[in-house]
Protein backbone atom coordinates (compact mmCIF):
# COMPACT_ATOMS: atom_id res chain seq x y z
CA UNK A 1 -40.73 144.14 143.84
CA UNK A 2 -37.40 142.46 143.93
CA UNK A 3 -35.59 141.93 140.60
CA UNK A 4 -35.39 138.23 139.95
CA UNK A 5 -32.09 138.66 137.97
CA UNK A 6 -30.35 140.60 140.77
CA UNK A 7 -28.33 137.58 141.79
CA UNK A 8 -26.67 137.48 138.38
CA UNK A 9 -25.52 141.06 138.81
CA UNK A 10 -24.27 140.34 142.33
CA UNK A 11 -22.31 137.31 141.07
CA UNK A 12 -20.68 139.28 138.29
CA UNK A 13 -19.75 142.05 140.62
CA UNK A 14 -18.18 139.55 143.05
CA UNK A 15 -16.15 137.88 140.34
CA UNK A 16 -14.65 141.10 138.96
CA UNK A 17 -11.89 141.62 141.64
CA UNK A 18 -10.77 138.02 141.11
CA UNK A 19 -10.38 138.37 137.39
CA UNK A 20 -8.58 141.65 137.81
CA UNK A 21 -6.21 140.04 140.29
CA UNK A 22 -5.50 137.18 137.89
CA UNK A 23 -4.74 139.60 135.07
CA UNK A 24 -2.40 141.50 137.32
CA UNK A 25 -0.62 138.31 138.34
CA UNK A 26 -0.32 137.15 134.72
CA UNK A 27 1.08 140.54 133.74
CA UNK A 28 3.56 140.50 136.71
CA UNK A 29 4.76 136.98 135.71
CA UNK A 30 5.20 138.06 132.13
CA UNK A 31 7.25 141.06 133.21
CA UNK A 32 9.38 138.83 135.46
CA UNK A 33 10.08 136.35 132.65
CA UNK A 34 11.09 139.15 130.20
CA UNK A 35 13.39 140.68 132.81
CA UNK A 36 14.97 137.39 133.61
CA UNK A 37 15.70 136.70 129.97
CA UNK A 38 17.00 140.13 129.58
CA UNK A 39 19.30 139.57 132.57
CA UNK A 40 20.65 136.34 131.36
CA UNK A 41 21.06 137.21 127.61
CA UNK A 42 24.21 139.33 127.90
CA UNK A 43 26.00 136.55 129.79
CA UNK A 44 24.85 133.96 127.26
CA UNK A 45 26.19 136.05 124.39
CA UNK A 46 29.48 136.54 126.12
CA UNK A 47 29.80 132.87 126.76
CA UNK A 48 29.08 132.06 123.10
CA UNK A 49 31.68 134.61 121.97
CA UNK A 50 34.27 133.28 124.40
CA UNK A 51 33.69 129.68 123.20
CA UNK A 52 33.93 130.72 119.59
CA UNK A 53 37.26 132.56 120.19
CA UNK A 54 38.68 129.55 121.99
CA UNK A 55 37.66 127.29 119.06
CA UNK A 56 39.30 129.64 116.62
CA UNK A 57 42.53 129.68 118.68
CA UNK A 58 42.58 125.88 118.82
CA UNK A 59 42.04 125.71 115.07
CA UNK A 60 44.93 128.17 114.54
CA UNK A 61 47.22 126.09 116.72
CA UNK A 62 46.32 122.88 114.85
CA UNK A 63 46.53 124.39 111.32
CA UNK A 64 49.88 126.21 111.69
CA UNK A 65 51.98 124.63 114.35
CA UNK A 66 55.25 126.35 115.10
CA UNK A 67 58.05 123.78 114.61
CA UNK A 68 60.60 123.52 117.34
CA UNK A 69 64.03 122.77 115.80
CA UNK A 70 66.61 121.35 118.06
CA UNK A 71 70.15 121.70 116.59
CA UNK A 72 71.89 118.63 117.89
CA UNK A 73 74.98 119.31 115.76
CA UNK A 74 76.04 122.33 117.80
CA UNK A 75 77.46 120.18 120.58
CA UNK A 76 78.83 117.57 118.15
CA UNK A 77 80.50 119.79 115.66
CA UNK A 78 83.49 120.79 117.78
CA UNK A 79 84.25 117.24 118.73
CA UNK A 80 83.80 116.05 115.15
CA UNK A 81 86.00 118.82 113.78
CA UNK A 82 88.67 118.16 116.36
CA UNK A 83 88.53 114.45 115.54
CA UNK A 84 88.87 115.13 111.82
CA UNK A 85 91.81 117.50 112.44
CA UNK A 86 93.59 114.98 114.54
CA UNK A 87 93.01 112.26 111.89
CA UNK A 88 94.33 114.57 109.07
CA UNK A 89 97.37 115.56 111.09
CA UNK A 90 98.14 111.90 111.95
CA UNK A 91 97.70 110.94 108.26
CA UNK A 92 99.94 113.80 107.09
CA UNK A 93 102.61 112.82 109.64
CA UNK A 94 102.43 109.12 108.51
CA UNK A 95 102.70 110.10 104.86
CA UNK A 96 105.75 112.38 105.63
CA UNK A 97 107.44 109.60 107.46
CA UNK A 98 106.79 107.16 104.57
CA UNK A 99 108.22 109.69 102.08
CA UNK A 100 111.36 110.06 104.27
CA UNK A 101 111.77 106.31 104.41
CA UNK A 102 111.37 105.98 100.63
CA UNK A 103 113.84 108.75 100.06
CA UNK A 104 116.35 107.14 102.34
CA UNK A 105 115.78 103.77 100.69
CA UNK A 106 116.43 105.35 97.27
CA UNK A 107 119.52 107.13 98.45
CA UNK A 108 121.25 104.00 99.71
CA UNK A 109 121.34 102.12 96.40
CA UNK A 110 122.25 105.31 94.55
CA UNK A 111 125.25 105.97 96.72
CA UNK A 112 126.25 102.30 96.58
CA UNK A 113 125.85 102.22 92.81
CA UNK A 114 127.96 105.35 92.23
CA UNK A 115 130.53 104.51 94.89
CA UNK A 116 133.04 103.04 92.54
CA UNK A 117 132.17 105.15 89.52
CA UNK A 118 134.77 107.73 88.59
CA UNK A 119 135.48 109.85 85.59
CA UNK A 120 133.87 112.95 84.23
CA UNK A 121 130.24 113.74 83.62
CA UNK A 122 129.19 113.93 80.00
CA UNK A 123 125.84 114.76 78.42
CA UNK A 124 125.03 112.15 75.76
CA UNK A 125 122.04 112.47 73.41
CA UNK A 126 120.27 109.26 72.47
CA UNK A 127 120.76 108.16 68.90
CA UNK A 128 118.67 106.01 66.61
CA UNK A 129 118.53 102.30 67.55
CA UNK A 130 119.97 102.84 71.07
CA UNK A 131 118.39 101.64 74.31
CA UNK A 132 118.95 102.72 77.83
CA UNK A 133 120.70 99.54 78.80
CA UNK A 134 122.72 99.42 75.56
CA UNK A 135 124.03 102.95 76.31
CA UNK A 136 125.00 101.90 79.82
CA UNK A 137 126.94 98.97 78.41
CA UNK A 138 128.57 101.13 75.72
CA UNK A 139 129.96 103.53 78.24
CA UNK A 140 131.10 100.76 80.61
CA UNK A 141 128.42 101.36 83.19
CA UNK A 142 126.03 99.01 84.91
CA UNK A 143 122.31 99.64 84.34
CA UNK A 144 121.73 100.64 87.94
CA UNK A 145 124.69 103.05 87.74
CA UNK A 146 123.19 104.79 84.75
CA UNK A 147 119.82 104.91 86.53
CA UNK A 148 121.46 106.54 89.56
CA UNK A 149 123.10 109.10 87.29
CA UNK A 150 119.62 109.81 85.68
CA UNK A 151 116.98 109.47 88.44
CA UNK A 152 114.33 111.40 86.51
CA UNK A 153 114.57 109.44 83.34
CA UNK A 154 112.33 106.47 82.51
CA UNK A 155 114.56 103.72 80.94
CA UNK A 156 111.63 102.73 78.66
CA UNK A 157 110.76 106.32 77.70
CA UNK A 158 113.94 107.67 76.14
CA UNK A 159 113.59 109.38 72.76
CA UNK A 160 116.00 109.65 69.86
CA UNK A 161 117.55 113.11 69.56
CA UNK A 162 115.62 114.42 72.56
CA UNK A 163 116.66 112.51 75.65
CA UNK A 164 120.03 113.54 77.11
CA UNK A 165 121.65 111.15 79.54
CA UNK A 166 124.28 111.90 82.08
CA UNK A 167 127.10 109.38 81.63
CA UNK A 168 130.62 108.96 83.00
CA UNK A 169 133.68 108.98 80.78
CA UNK A 170 137.41 109.21 81.22
CA UNK A 171 137.85 112.24 79.06
CA UNK A 172 137.56 113.78 75.58
CA UNK A 173 140.55 113.23 73.33
CA UNK A 174 141.36 115.46 70.38
CA UNK A 175 142.94 113.53 67.54
CA UNK A 176 146.42 114.65 66.68
CA UNK A 177 149.11 113.48 64.22
CA UNK A 178 149.47 109.67 64.23
CA UNK A 179 146.34 109.17 66.50
CA UNK A 180 144.80 106.09 65.02
CA UNK A 181 142.16 104.31 67.05
CA UNK A 182 144.54 101.51 68.13
CA UNK A 183 146.99 104.04 69.51
CA UNK A 184 144.36 106.17 71.25
CA UNK A 185 142.73 103.02 72.82
CA UNK A 186 146.09 101.75 74.14
CA UNK A 187 146.86 105.23 75.53
CA UNK A 188 143.76 105.18 77.77
CA UNK A 189 143.73 101.50 78.54
CA UNK A 190 140.49 100.65 76.76
CA UNK A 191 139.77 98.29 73.91
CA UNK A 192 139.64 99.46 70.34
CA UNK A 193 136.15 97.89 70.03
CA UNK A 194 134.71 99.87 72.89
CA UNK A 195 136.28 103.04 71.57
CA UNK A 196 134.77 102.53 68.18
CA UNK A 197 131.31 101.68 69.76
CA UNK A 198 131.10 104.69 72.03
CA UNK A 199 132.08 106.98 69.09
CA UNK A 200 129.75 105.18 66.59
CA UNK A 201 132.58 104.16 64.25
CA UNK A 202 132.40 101.16 62.03
CA UNK A 203 135.76 101.77 60.34
CA UNK A 204 139.22 102.33 61.80
CA UNK A 205 139.52 105.91 60.54
CA UNK A 206 140.20 109.07 62.51
CA UNK A 207 140.50 112.73 61.43
CA UNK A 208 142.85 115.31 62.77
CA UNK A 209 141.07 117.59 65.16
CA UNK A 210 138.30 115.01 65.73
CA UNK A 211 137.14 114.66 69.33
CA UNK A 212 136.87 111.12 70.62
CA UNK A 213 134.96 110.05 73.73
CA UNK A 214 137.02 107.82 75.94
CA UNK A 215 134.88 105.35 77.86
CA UNK A 216 135.57 104.15 81.42
CA UNK A 217 136.54 100.63 80.29
């Protein structure tokens, strides 16, 4: 007698190859997916590393930029130095010319002032109460003549007992027998008053052997 449940067994037997085939296909797909991911993963890692290195390089360039210094003075310095040297030379030359002019201008009045001054040079020490212009008058000189004889002396800066002035006189007379002031003044053609003033005398008295300064006038 035929088994009434035999169709169930036949149906299960028929479905078994299909299930097995599906399992094999699923397994194959799984292996393919794993292989694909494995194939792509090294490249992905390399790309990530490359991008990271690039980002680090960009950050380094932004954080620590290397300054580029352009020295613009290299081309200008020679011209500037040359210009300064030319200006200095021109200024020095101009100053030298001005000094020469001033020296010449000073020499002219000096030579003119002393043109008509004769006599002998005599060193005279300033005494108390005397002035530069008073001394000039005492020795028969004009103020500009005394200035010309003493170019380095300040007329307002003479000092008693210190300042020595170069003056012009006729001569030095040594008093002998009978040489009273009137006689000596007449001998040299000067006034008795000027003879007394230049020798700081307030009395008509002379001593034998005394030396008297004889002024120009």
